[in-house]
C-alpha cells in the first residue's frame, strides 16, 4: 500500500531586544539571529521568546500510528553569535487505538557553535 500521512507545525517567535532574522525568499528560509550587543563585548546579548504548535497524523488504512498534538513554549538567550542557552516546555497529546495520553516535559540546552 501507499499510505498518506500528514503533519504540520506553526511557530511564532519574538525577539525582545529588537533584533530581526533575515529572510531568504529564494529558499523560503530564515537566517539565524544577529546578536547586536554580545556579552563578550559588554552587551546583554539577545533574548527570544517562542511558541509552537505541531500536529501529526500517522493513521491511514492498515497503518494505525495515531495522532499527536504538541504545544511548546520556550525562550533563548543568545550570548553571542556562537553561543546560546535555551529552555522549552512541551505538552503532548496522543490519540491512538481509541486511547488518549497526555505528557509534558521541560528541557534546557547550551549550544556552542564553531564558527
PDB file of N, CA and C in Angstrom:
ATOM      1  N   UNK A   1       0.828  -1.194   0.000  1.00  0.00           N
ATOM      2  CA  UNK A   1       0.000   0.000   0.000  1.00  0.00           C
ATOM      3  C   UNK A   1       0.866   1.248   0.000  1.00  0.00           C
ATOM      4  N   UNK A   2       0.236   2.358  -0.252  1.00  0.00           N
ATOM      5  CA  UNK A   2       0.907   3.648  -0.253  1.00  0.00           C
ATOM      6  C   UNK A   2       0.153   4.584   0.696  1.00  0.00           C
ATOM      7  N   UNK A   3       0.476   4.536   1.998  1.00  0.00           N
ATOM      8  CA  UNK A   3      -0.294   5.339   2.960  1.00  0.00           C
ATOM      9  C   UNK A   3      -0.047   6.837   2.783  1.00  0.00           C
ATOM     10  N   UNK A   4      -1.054   7.621   3.129  1.00  0.00           N
ATOM     11  CA  UNK A   4      -0.951   9.076   3.105  1.00  0.00           C
ATOM     12  C   UNK A   4      -0.878   9.551   4.550  1.00  0.00           C
ATOM     13  N   UNK A   5       0.253  10.082   4.956  1.00  0.00           N
ATOM     14  CA  UNK A   5       0.461  10.590   6.311  1.00  0.00           C
ATOM     15  C   UNK A   5       0.700  12.091   6.204  1.00  0.00           C
ATOM     16  N   UNK A   6       0.252  12.840   7.197  1.00  0.00           N
ATOM     17  CA  UNK A   6       0.443  14.279   7.105  1.00  0.00           C
ATOM     18  C   UNK A   6       0.684  14.897   8.470  1.00  0.00           C
ATOM     19  N   UNK A   7       1.279  16.061   8.442  1.00  0.00           N
ATOM     20  CA  UNK A   7       1.544  16.810   9.659  1.00  0.00           C
ATOM     21  C   UNK A   7       1.940  18.232   9.305  1.00  0.00           C
ATOM     22  N   UNK A   8       1.942  19.086  10.300  1.00  0.00           N
ATOM     23  CA  UNK A   8       2.338  20.470  10.098  1.00  0.00           C
ATOM     24  C   UNK A   8       2.739  21.072  11.433  1.00  0.00           C
ATOM     25  N   UNK A   9       3.390  22.221  11.362  1.00  0.00           N
ATOM     26  CA  UNK A   9       3.639  22.990  12.583  1.00  0.00           C
ATOM     27  C   UNK A   9       3.581  24.477  12.258  1.00  0.00           C
ATOM     28  N   UNK A  10       3.193  25.232  13.266  1.00  0.00           N
ATOM     29  CA  UNK A  10       3.115  26.682  13.175  1.00  0.00           C
ATOM     30  C   UNK A  10       3.922  27.224  14.340  1.00  0.00           C
ATOM     31  N   UNK A  11       4.823  28.147  14.054  1.00  0.00           N
ATOM     32  CA  UNK A  11       5.640  28.701  15.134  1.00  0.00           C
ATOM     33  C   UNK A  11       5.657  30.219  15.065  1.00  0.00           C
ATOM     34  N   UNK A  12       5.889  30.818  16.214  1.00  0.00           N
ATOM     35  CA  UNK A  12       5.950  32.261  16.346  1.00  0.00           C
ATOM     36  C   UNK A  12       7.081  32.582  17.301  1.00  0.00           C
ATOM     37  N   UNK A  13       7.920  33.543  16.941  1.00  0.00           N
ATOM     38  CA  UNK A  13       8.959  33.973  17.872  1.00  0.00           C
ATOM     39  C   UNK A  13       9.030  35.488  17.894  1.00  0.00           C
ATOM     40  N   UNK A  14       9.454  36.002  19.022  1.00  0.00           N
ATOM     41  CA  UNK A  14       9.576  37.445  19.219  1.00  0.00           C
ATOM     42  C   UNK A  14      10.918  37.709  19.869  1.00  0.00           C
ATOM     43  N   UNK A  15      11.691  38.577  19.271  1.00  0.00           N
ATOM     44  CA  UNK A  15      12.976  38.960  19.830  1.00  0.00           C
ATOM     45  C   UNK A  15      12.753  40.188  20.705  1.00  0.00           C
ATOM     46  N   UNK A  16      12.832  39.983  21.997  1.00  0.00           N
ATOM     47  CA  UNK A  16      12.542  41.020  22.985  1.00  0.00           C
ATOM     48  C   UNK A  16      13.472  42.216  22.818  1.00  0.00           C
ATOM     49  N   UNK A  17      14.723  41.955  22.462  1.00  0.00           N
ATOM     50  CA  UNK A  17      15.722  43.015  22.353  1.00  0.00           C
ATOM     51  C   UNK A  17      15.724  43.713  20.992  1.00  0.00           C
ATOM     52  N   UNK A  18      14.831  43.333  20.084  1.00  0.00           N
ATOM     53  CA  UNK A  18      14.629  44.067  18.842  1.00  0.00           C
ATOM     54  C   UNK A  18      15.331  43.568  17.599  1.00  0.00           C
ATOM     55  N   UNK A  19      16.244  42.625  17.701  1.00  0.00           N
ATOM     56  CA  UNK A  19      16.916  42.118  16.502  1.00  0.00           C
ATOM     57  C   UNK A  19      15.899  41.360  15.624  1.00  0.00           C
ATOM     58  N   UNK A  20      16.222  41.263  14.337  1.00  0.00           N
ATOM     59  CA  UNK A  20      15.338  40.555  13.411  1.00  0.00           C
ATOM     60  C   UNK A  20      16.130  39.524  12.616  1.00  0.00           C
ATOM     61  N   UNK A  21      15.465  38.438  12.280  1.00  0.00           N
ATOM     62  CA  UNK A  21      16.061  37.418  11.418  1.00  0.00           C
ATOM     63  C   UNK A  21      15.930  37.857   9.960  1.00  0.00           C
ATOM     64  N   UNK A  22      16.975  37.617   9.198  1.00  0.00           N
ATOM     65  CA  UNK A  22      16.891  37.849   7.762  1.00  0.00           C
ATOM     66  C   UNK A  22      16.062  36.740   7.122  1.00  0.00           C
ATOM     67  N   UNK A  23      15.418  37.036   5.995  1.00  0.00           N
ATOM     68  CA  UNK A  23      14.600  36.052   5.284  1.00  0.00           C
ATOM     69  C   UNK A  23      15.108  35.916   3.862  1.00  0.00           C
ATOM     70  N   UNK A  24      15.276  34.682   3.419  1.00  0.00           N
ATOM     71  CA  UNK A  24      15.730  34.400   2.049  1.00  0.00           C
ATOM     72  C   UNK A  24      14.531  33.911   1.231  1.00  0.00           C
ATOM     73  N   UNK A  25      13.967  34.807   0.446  1.00  0.00           N
ATOM     74  CA  UNK A  25      12.771  34.485  -0.323  1.00  0.00           C
ATOM     75  C   UNK A  25      13.021  33.358  -1.323  1.00  0.00           C
ATOM     76  N   UNK A  26      14.210  33.290  -1.866  1.00  0.00           N
ATOM     77  CA  UNK A  26      14.523  32.260  -2.873  1.00  0.00           C
ATOM     78  C   UNK A  26      14.396  30.848  -2.309  1.00  0.00           C
ATOM     79  N   UNK A  27      14.831  30.662  -1.053  1.00  0.00           N
ATOM     80  CA  UNK A  27      14.772  29.328  -0.441  1.00  0.00           C
ATOM     81  C   UNK A  27      13.656  29.202   0.593  1.00  0.00           C
ATOM     82  N   UNK A  28      13.030  30.334   0.955  1.00  0.00           N
ATOM     83  CA  UNK A  28      11.961  30.301   1.948  1.00  0.00           C
ATOM     84  C   UNK A  28      12.458  29.995   3.350  1.00  0.00           C
ATOM     85  N   UNK A  29      13.677  30.419   3.668  1.00  0.00           N
ATOM     86  CA  UNK A  29      14.261  30.132   4.975  1.00  0.00           C
ATOM     87  C   UNK A  29      14.658  31.411   5.696  1.00  0.00           C
ATOM     88  N   UNK A  30      14.732  31.298   7.028  1.00  0.00           N
ATOM     89  CA  UNK A  30      15.171  32.409   7.858  1.00  0.00           C
ATOM     90  C   UNK A  30      16.625  32.207   8.262  1.00  0.00           C
ATOM     91  N   UNK A  31      17.355  33.306   8.388  1.00  0.00           N
ATOM     92  CA  UNK A  31      18.723  33.269   8.884  1.00  0.00           C
ATOM     93  C   UNK A  31      18.701  33.204  10.407  1.00  0.00           C
ATOM     94  N   UNK A  32      19.854  32.934  10.996  1.00  0.00           N
ATOM     95  CA  UNK A  32      19.980  32.992  12.443  1.00  0.00           C
ATOM     96  C   UNK A  32      19.920  34.436  12.911  1.00  0.00           C
ATOM     97  N   UNK A  33      19.713  34.613  14.193  1.00  0.00           N
ATOM     98  CA  UNK A  33      19.663  35.966  14.743  1.00  0.00           C
ATOM     99  C   UNK A  33      21.049  36.592  14.778  1.00  0.00           C
ATOM    100  N   UNK A  34      21.117  37.854  14.434  1.00  0.00           N
ATOM    101  CA  UNK A  34      22.350  38.618  14.570  1.00  0.00           C
ATOM    102  C   UNK A  34      22.314  39.248  15.953  1.00  0.00           C
ATOM    103  N   UNK A  35      23.306  38.961  16.763  1.00  0.00           N
ATOM    104  CA  UNK A  35      23.357  39.488  18.128  1.00  0.00           C
ATOM    105  C   UNK A  35      23.989  40.878  18.073  1.00  0.00           C
ATOM    106  N   UNK A  36      23.173  41.903  18.286  1.00  0.00           N
ATOM    107  CA  UNK A  36      23.649  43.285  18.164  1.00  0.00           C
ATOM    108  C   UNK A  36      24.631  43.664  19.265  1.00  0.00           C
ATOM    109  N   UNK A  37      24.398  43.196  20.494  1.00  0.00           N
ATOM    110  CA  UNK A  37      25.273  43.537  21.627  1.00  0.00           C
ATOM    111  C   UNK A  37      25.663  42.261  22.380  1.00  0.00           C
ATOM    112  N   UNK A  38      26.653  41.508  21.873  1.00  0.00           N
ATOM    113  CA  UNK A  38      27.064  40.260  22.519  1.00  0.00           C
ATOM    114  C   UNK A  38      27.647  40.503  23.914  1.00  0.00           C
ATOM    115  N   UNK A  39      27.524  39.497  24.775  1.00  0.00           N
ATOM    116  CA  UNK A  39      28.016  39.632  26.153  1.00  0.00           C
ATOM    117  C   UNK A  39      29.536  39.753  26.205  1.00  0.00           C
ATOM    118  N   UNK A  40      30.253  39.185  25.242  1.00  0.00           N
ATOM    119  CA  UNK A  40      31.713  39.289  25.254  1.00  0.00           C
ATOM    120  C   UNK A  40      32.201  40.656  24.769  1.00  0.00           C
ATOM    121  N   UNK A  41      31.244  41.541  24.427  1.00  0.00           N
ATOM    122  CA  UNK A  41      31.586  42.913  24.048  1.00  0.00           C
ATOM    123  C   UNK A  41      30.856  43.916  24.944  1.00  0.00           C
ATOM    124  N   UNK A  42      30.484  43.464  26.155  1.00  0.00           N
ATOM    125  CA  UNK A  42      29.859  44.346  27.129  1.00  0.00           C
ATOM    126  C   UNK A  42      28.354  44.495  27.025  1.00  0.00           C
ATOM    127  N   UNK A  43      27.699  43.754  26.135  1.00  0.00           N
ATOM    128  CA  UNK A  43      26.242  43.853  25.975  1.00  0.00           C
ATOM    129  C   UNK A  43      25.497  42.789  26.757  1.00  0.00           C
ATOM    130  N   UNK A  44      24.191  42.736  26.531  1.00  0.00           N
ATOM    131  CA  UNK A  44      23.316  41.752  27.195  1.00  0.00           C
ATOM    132  C   UNK A  44      22.984  40.567  26.296  1.00  0.00           C
ATOM    133  N   UNK A  45      23.415  40.592  25.063  1.00  0.00           N
ATOM    134  CA  UNK A  45      23.045  39.537  24.137  1.00  0.00           C
ATOM    135  C   UNK A  45      21.659  39.793  23.569  1.00  0.00           C
ATOM    136  N   UNK A  46      21.007  38.740  23.123  1.00  0.00           N
ATOM    137  CA  UNK A  46      19.679  38.825  22.522  1.00  0.00           C
ATOM    138  C   UNK A  46      18.747  37.854  23.228  1.00  0.00           C
ATOM    139  N   UNK A  47      17.521  38.299  23.512  1.00  0.00           N
ATOM    140  CA  UNK A  47      16.526  37.442  24.157  1.00  0.00           C
ATOM    141  C   UNK A  47      15.389  37.171  23.175  1.00  0.00           C
ATOM    142  N   UNK A  48      15.030  35.895  23.051  1.00  0.00           N
ATOM    143  CA  UNK A  48      13.985  35.490  22.115  1.00  0.00           C
ATOM    144  C   UNK A  48      12.975  34.596  22.837  1.00  0.00           C
ATOM    145  N   UNK A  49      11.682  34.868  22.645  1.00  0.00           N
ATOM    146  CA  UNK A  49      10.605  34.032  23.160  1.00  0.00           C
ATOM    147  C   UNK A  49       9.915  33.375  21.975  1.00  0.00           C
ATOM    148  N   UNK A  50       9.480  32.131  22.157  1.00  0.00           N
ATOM    149  CA  UNK A  50       8.874  31.405  21.033  1.00  0.00           C
ATOM    150  C   UNK A  50       7.782  30.457  21.507  1.00  0.00           C
ATOM    151  N   UNK A  51       6.823  30.216  20.625  1.00  0.00           N
ATOM    152  CA  UNK A  51       5.792  29.215  20.860  1.00  0.00           C
ATOM    153  C   UNK A  51       5.582  28.441  19.557  1.00  0.00           C
ATOM    154  N   UNK A  52       5.113  27.208  19.701  1.00  0.00           N
ATOM    155  CA  UNK A  52       4.933  26.359  18.520  1.00  0.00           C
ATOM    156  C   UNK A  52       3.800  25.376  18.775  1.00  0.00           C
ATOM    157  N   UNK A  53       3.039  25.110  17.726  1.00  0.00           N
ATOM    158  CA  UNK A  53       2.028  24.056  17.753  1.00  0.00           C
ATOM    159  C   UNK A  53       2.317  23.130  16.588  1.00  0.00           C
ATOM    160  N   UNK A  54       2.309  21.822  16.849  1.00  0.00           N
ATOM    161  CA  UNK A  54       2.510  20.868  15.759  1.00  0.00           C
ATOM    162  C   UNK A  54       1.493  19.738  15.873  1.00  0.00           C
ATOM    163  N   UNK A  55       1.121  19.204  14.727  1.00  0.00           N
ATOM    164  CA  UNK A  55       0.165  18.091  14.670  1.00  0.00           C
ATOM    165  C   UNK A  55       0.663  17.101  13.631  1.00  0.00           C
ATOM    166  N   UNK A  56       0.549  15.820  13.970  1.00  0.00           N
ATOM    167  CA  UNK A  56       0.906  14.774  13.013  1.00  0.00           C
ATOM    168  C   UNK A  56      -0.156  13.685  13.068  1.00  0.00           C
ATOM    169  N   UNK A  57      -0.509  13.162  11.906  1.00  0.00           N
ATOM    170  CA  UNK A  57      -1.493  12.084  11.778  1.00  0.00           C
ATOM    171  C   UNK A  57      -0.801  10.920  11.070  1.00  0.00           C
ATOM    172  N   UNK A  58      -0.577   9.844  11.818  1.00  0.00           N
ATOM    173  CA  UNK A  58       0.115   8.669  11.285  1.00  0.00           C
ATOM    174  C   UNK A  58      -0.834   7.493  11.085  1.00  0.00           C
ATOM    175  N   UNK A  59      -2.098   7.785  10.796  1.00  0.00           N
ATOM    176  CA  UNK A  59      -3.104   6.747  10.591  1.00  0.00           C
ATOM    177  C   UNK A  59      -3.636   6.828   9.168  1.00  0.00           C
ATOM    178  N   UNK A  60      -3.575   5.710   8.464  1.00  0.00           N
ATOM    179  CA  UNK A  60      -4.156   5.610   7.129  1.00  0.00           C
ATOM    180  C   UNK A  60      -4.285   4.139   6.770  1.00  0.00           C
ATOM    181  N   UNK A  61      -5.505   3.685   6.556  1.00  0.00           N
ATOM    182  CA  UNK A  61      -5.736   2.288   6.200  1.00  0.00           C
ATOM    183  C   UNK A  61      -5.262   1.352   7.293  1.00  0.00           C
ATOM    184  N   UNK A  62      -4.404   0.391   6.921  1.00  0.00           N
ATOM    185  CA  UNK A  62      -3.915  -0.599   7.879  1.00  0.00           C
ATOM    186  C   UNK A  62      -2.891  -0.017   8.855  1.00  0.00           C
ATOM    187  N   UNK A  63      -2.322   1.111   8.525  1.00  0.00           N
ATOM    188  CA  UNK A  63      -1.333   1.751   9.391  1.00  0.00           C
ATOM    189  C   UNK A  63      -2.059   2.566  10.468  1.00  0.00           C
ATOM    190  N   UNK A  64      -1.866   2.206  11.725  1.00  0.00           N
ATOM    191  CA  UNK A  64      -2.568   2.843  12.846  1.00  0.00           C
ATOM    192  C   UNK A  64      -1.581   3.488  13.806  1.00  0.00           C
ATOM    193  N   UNK A  65      -0.907   4.553  13.352  1.00  0.00           N
ATOM    194  CA  UNK A  65       0.093   5.222  14.175  1.00  0.00           C
ATOM    195  C   UNK A  65      -0.472   6.227  15.155  1.00  0.00           C
ATOM    196  N   UNK A  66      -1.719   6.649  14.948  1.00  0.00           N
ATOM    197  CA  UNK A  66      -2.346   7.604  15.844  1.00  0.00           C
ATOM    198  C   UNK A  66      -2.114   9.037  15.429  1.00  0.00           C
ATOM    199  N   UNK A  67      -2.631   9.932  16.259  1.00  0.00           N
ATOM    200  CA  UNK A  67      -2.488  11.370  16.032  1.00  0.00           C
ATOM    201  C   UNK A  67      -1.850  11.993  17.256  1.00  0.00           C
ATOM    202  N   UNK A  68      -1.015  13.014  17.032  1.00  0.00           N
ATOM    203  CA  UNK A  68      -0.361  13.677  18.154  1.00  0.00           C
ATOM    204  C   UNK A  68      -0.356  15.184  17.930  1.00  0.00           C
ATOM    205  N   UNK A  69      -0.682  15.928  18.994  1.00  0.00           N
ATOM    206  CA  UNK A  69      -0.575  17.383  19.030  1.00  0.00           C
ATOM    207  C   UNK A  69       0.459  17.746  20.074  1.00  0.00           C
ATOM    208  N   UNK A  70       1.294  18.732  19.767  1.00  0.00           N
ATOM    209  CA  UNK A  70       2.319  19.183  20.720  1.00  0.00           C
ATOM    210  C   UNK A  70       2.303  20.708  20.781  1.00  0.00           C
ATOM    211  N   UNK A  71       2.171  21.247  21.994  1.00  0.00           N
ATOM    212  CA  UNK A  71       2.304  22.679  22.256  1.00  0.00           C
ATOM    213  C   UNK A  71       3.650  22.900  22.917  1.00  0.00           C
ATOM    214  N   UNK A  72       4.361  23.929  22.502  1.00  0.00           N
ATOM    215  CA  UNK A  72       5.686  24.212  23.058  1.00  0.00           C
ATOM    216  C   UNK A  72       5.807  25.703  23.346  1.00  0.00           C
ATOM    217  N   UNK A  73       6.464  26.024  24.456  1.00  0.00           N
ATOM    218  CA  UNK A  73       6.724  27.404  24.840  1.00  0.00           C
ATOM    219  C   UNK A  73       8.156  27.471  25.348  1.00  0.00           C
ATOM    220  N   UNK A  74       8.929  28.443  24.858  1.00  0.00           N
ATOM    221  CA  UNK A  74      10.324  28.489  25.267  1.00  0.00           C
ATOM    222  C   UNK A  74      10.958  29.846  25.118  1.00  0.00           C
ATOM    223  N   UNK A  75      12.181  29.906  25.574  1.00  0.00           N
ATOM    224  CA  UNK A  75      12.965  31.123  25.481  1.00  0.00           C
ATOM    225  C   UNK A  75      14.418  30.797  25.209  1.00  0.00           C
ATOM    226  N   UNK A  76      15.098  31.723  24.536  1.00  0.00           N
ATOM    227  CA  UNK A  76      16.515  31.551  24.224  1.00  0.00           C
ATOM    228  C   UNK A  76      17.254  32.839  24.542  1.00  0.00           C
ATOM    229  N   UNK A  77      18.394  32.687  25.187  1.00  0.00           N
ATOM    230  CA  UNK A  77      19.285  33.821  25.431  1.00  0.00           C
ATOM    231  C   UNK A  77      20.510  33.595  24.570  1.00  0.00           C
ATOM    232  N   UNK A  78      20.655  34.428  23.535  1.00  0.00           N
ATOM    233  CA  UNK A  78      21.805  34.375  22.638  1.00  0.00           C
ATOM    234  C   UNK A  78      22.895  35.237  23.255  1.00  0.00           C
ATOM    235  N   UNK A  79      23.911  34.621  23.852  1.00  0.00           N
ATOM    236  CA  UNK A  79      25.002  35.368  24.466  1.00  0.00           C
ATOM    237  C   UNK A  79      25.875  36.017  23.395  1.00  0.00           C
ATOM    238  N   UNK A  80      26.209  35.246  22.374  1.00  0.00           N
ATOM    239  CA  UNK A  80      26.970  35.719  21.223  1.00  0.00           C
ATOM    240  C   UNK A  80      26.391  35.034  19.992  1.00  0.00           C
ATOM    241  N   UNK A  81      26.950  35.309  18.838  1.00  0.00           N
ATOM    242  CA  UNK A  81      26.530  34.638  17.614  1.00  0.00           C
ATOM    243  C   UNK A  81      26.751  33.133  17.713  1.00  0.00           C
ATOM    244  N   UNK A  82      27.729  32.713  18.509  1.00  0.00           N
ATOM    245  CA  UNK A  82      28.122  31.302  18.559  1.00  0.00           C
ATOM    246  C   UNK A  82      27.685  30.574  19.824  1.00  0.00           C
ATOM    247  N   UNK A  83      26.975  31.228  20.734  1.00  0.00           N
ATOM    248  CA  UNK A  83      26.586  30.571  21.988  1.00  0.00           C
ATOM    249  C   UNK A  83      25.201  31.023  22.419  1.00  0.00           C
ATOM    250  N   UNK A  84      24.367  30.053  22.767  1.00  0.00           N
ATOM    251  CA  UNK A  84      23.068  30.401  23.336  1.00  0.00           C
ATOM    252  C   UNK A  84      22.597  29.336  24.315  1.00  0.00           C
ATOM    253  N   UNK A  85      21.719  29.775  25.214  1.00  0.00           N
ATOM    254  CA  UNK A  85      21.098  28.916  26.226  1.00  0.00           C
ATOM    255  C   UNK A  85      19.599  28.973  25.980  1.00  0.00           C
ATOM    256  N   UNK A  86      18.956  27.805  25.924  1.00  0.00           N
ATOM    257  CA  UNK A  86      17.512  27.797  25.686  1.00  0.00           C
ATOM    258  C   UNK A  86      16.810  26.876  26.670  1.00  0.00           C
ATOM    259  N   UNK A  87      15.541  27.181  26.926  1.00  0.00           N
ATOM    260  CA  UNK A  87      14.687  26.362  27.784  1.00  0.00           C
ATOM    261  C   UNK A  87      13.331  26.241  27.097  1.00  0.00           C
ATOM    262  N   UNK A  88      12.764  25.033  27.121  1.00  0.00           N
ATOM    263  CA  UNK A  88      11.478  24.773  26.468  1.00  0.00           C
ATOM    264  C   UNK A  88      10.608  23.887  27.342  1.00  0.00           C
ATOM    265  N   UNK A  89       9.313  24.176  27.329  1.00  0.00           N
ATOM    266  CA  UNK A  89       8.320  23.336  27.996  1.00  0.00           C
ATOM    267  C   UNK A  89       7.347  22.858  26.926  1.00  0.00           C
ATOM    268  N   UNK A  90       7.046  21.566  26.932  1.00  0.00           N
ATOM    269  CA  UNK A  90       6.163  20.983  25.920  1.00  0.00           C
ATOM    270  C   UNK A  90       5.059  20.164  26.570  1.00  0.00           C
ATOM    271  N   UNK A  91       3.888  20.220  25.951  1.00  0.00           N
ATOM    272  CA  UNK A  91       2.759  19.373  26.340  1.00  0.00           C
ATOM    273  C   UNK A  91       2.323  18.630  25.088  1.00  0.00           C
ATOM    274  N   UNK A  92       2.238  17.310  25.188  1.00  0.00           N
ATOM    275  CA  UNK A  92       1.868  16.484  24.032  1.00  0.00           C
ATOM    276  C   UNK A  92       0.620  15.668  24.352  1.00  0.00           C
ATOM    277  N   UNK A  93      -0.280  15.598  23.373  1.00  0.00           N
ATOM    278  CA  UNK A  93      -1.488  14.781  23.490  1.00  0.00           C
ATOM    279  C   UNK A  93      -1.461  13.745  22.374  1.00  0.00           C
ATOM    280  N   UNK A  94      -1.590  12.482  22.743  1.00  0.00           N
ATOM    281  CA  UNK A  94      -1.569  11.381  21.787  1.00  0.00           C
ATOM    282  C   UNK A  94      -2.914  10.673  21.802  1.00  0.00           C
ATOM    283  N   UNK A  95      -3.447  10.380  20.624  1.00  0.00           N
ATOM    284  CA  UNK A  95      -4.694   9.641  20.472  1.00  0.00           C
ATOM    285  C   UNK A  95      -4.388   8.453  19.556  1.00  0.00           C
ATOM    286  N   UNK A  96      -4.376   7.253  20.138  1.00  0.00           N
ATOM    287  CA  UNK A  96      -4.056   6.048  19.367  1.00  0.00           C
ATOM    288  C   UNK A  96      -4.843   4.870  19.905  1.00  0.00           C
ATOM    289  N   UNK A  97      -5.426   4.080  19.018  1.00  0.00           N
ATOM    290  CA  UNK A  97      -6.236   2.912  19.392  1.00  0.00           C
ATOM    291  C   UNK A  97      -7.344   3.298  20.375  1.00  0.00           C
ATOM    292  N   UNK A  98      -7.978   4.433  20.148  1.00  0.00           N
ATOM    293  CA  UNK A  98      -9.055   4.954  20.991  1.00  0.00           C
ATOM    294  C   UNK A  98      -8.627   5.180  22.433  1.00  0.00           C
ATOM    295  N   UNK A  99      -7.355   5.279  22.678  1.00  0.00           N
ATOM    296  CA  UNK A  99      -6.829   5.637  23.999  1.00  0.00           C
ATOM    297  C   UNK A  99      -6.125   6.979  23.859  1.00  0.00           C
ATOM    298  N   UNK A 100      -6.279   7.808  24.880  1.00  0.00           N
ATOM    299  CA  UNK A 100      -5.643   9.117  24.837  1.00  0.00           C
ATOM    300  C   UNK A 100      -4.625   9.237  25.949  1.00  0.00           C
ATOM    301  N   UNK A 101      -3.516   9.878  25.631  1.00  0.00           N
ATOM    302  CA  UNK A 101      -2.470  10.092  26.615  1.00  0.00           C
ATOM    303  C   UNK A 101      -2.033  11.545  26.600  1.00  0.00           C
ATOM    304  N   UNK A 102      -1.542  11.999  27.733  1.00  0.00           N
ATOM    305  CA  UNK A 102      -1.069  13.365  27.865  1.00  0.00           C
ATOM    306  C   UNK A 102       0.271  13.328  28.578  1.00  0.00           C
ATOM    307  N   UNK A 103       1.250  14.016  28.041  1.00  0.00           N
ATOM    308  CA  UNK A 103       2.558  14.067  28.690  1.00  0.00           C
ATOM    309  C   UNK A 103       3.130  15.468  28.545  1.00  0.00           C
ATOM    310  N   UNK A 104       4.096  15.769  29.388  1.00  0.00           N
ATOM    311  CA  UNK A 104       4.747  17.066  29.312  1.00  0.00           C
ATOM    312  C   UNK A 104       6.216  16.895  29.658  1.00  0.00           C
ATOM    313  N   UNK A 105       7.011  17.862  29.269  1.00  0.00           N
ATOM    314  CA  UNK A 105       8.431  17.779  29.552  1.00  0.00           C
ATOM    315  C   UNK A 105       9.081  19.145  29.496  1.00  0.00           C
ATOM    316  N   UNK A 106      10.204  19.264  30.159  1.00  0.00           N
ATOM    317  CA  UNK A 106      10.978  20.502  30.197  1.00  0.00           C
ATOM    318  C   UNK A 106      12.408  20.158  29.813  1.00  0.00           C
ATOM    319  N   UNK A 107      13.015  20.959  28.946  1.00  0.00           N
ATOM    320  CA  UNK A 107      14.404  20.717  28.599  1.00  0.00           C
ATOM    321  C   UNK A 107      15.159  22.037  28.524  1.00  0.00           C
ATOM    322  N   UNK A 108      16.439  21.951  28.788  1.00  0.00           N
ATOM    323  CA  UNK A 108      17.350  23.100  28.663  1.00  0.00           C
ATOM    324  C   UNK A 108      18.524  22.661  27.803  1.00  0.00           C
ATOM    325  N   UNK A 109      19.091  23.631  27.076  1.00  0.00           N
ATOM    326  CA  UNK A 109      20.192  23.293  26.178  1.00  0.00           C
ATOM    327  C   UNK A 109      21.191  24.457  26.144  1.00  0.00           C
ATOM    328  N   UNK A 110      22.446  24.107  26.152  1.00  0.00           N
ATOM    329  CA  UNK A 110      23.523  25.055  25.928  1.00  0.00           C
ATOM    330  C   UNK A 110      24.149  24.682  24.597  1.00  0.00           C
ATOM    331  N   UNK A 111      24.159  25.602  23.646  1.00  0.00           N
ATOM    332  CA  UNK A 111      24.708  25.317  22.337  1.00  0.00           C
ATOM    333  C   UNK A 111      25.892  26.228  22.059  1.00  0.00           C
ATOM    334  N   UNK A 112      26.992  25.607  21.670  1.00  0.00           N
ATOM    335  CA  UNK A 112      28.200  26.331  21.281  1.00  0.00           C
ATOM    336  C   UNK A 112      28.507  25.964  19.836  1.00  0.00           C
ATOM    337  N   UNK A 113      28.559  26.965  18.957  1.00  0.00           N
ATOM    338  CA  UNK A 113      28.819  26.729  17.548  1.00  0.00           C
ATOM    339  C   UNK A 113      30.245  27.072  17.204  1.00  0.00           C
ATOM    340  N   UNK A 114      30.868  26.241  16.403  1.00  0.00           N
ATOM    341  CA  UNK A 114      32.215  26.533  15.918  1.00  0.00           C
ATOM    342  C   UNK A 114      32.053  27.356  14.658  1.00  0.00           C
ATOM    343  N   UNK A 115      32.599  28.554  14.672  1.00  0.00           N
ATOM    344  CA  UNK A 115      32.406  29.451  13.519  1.00  0.00           C
ATOM    345  C   UNK A 115      33.747  29.770  12.890  1.00  0.00           C
TER     346      UNK A 115
END
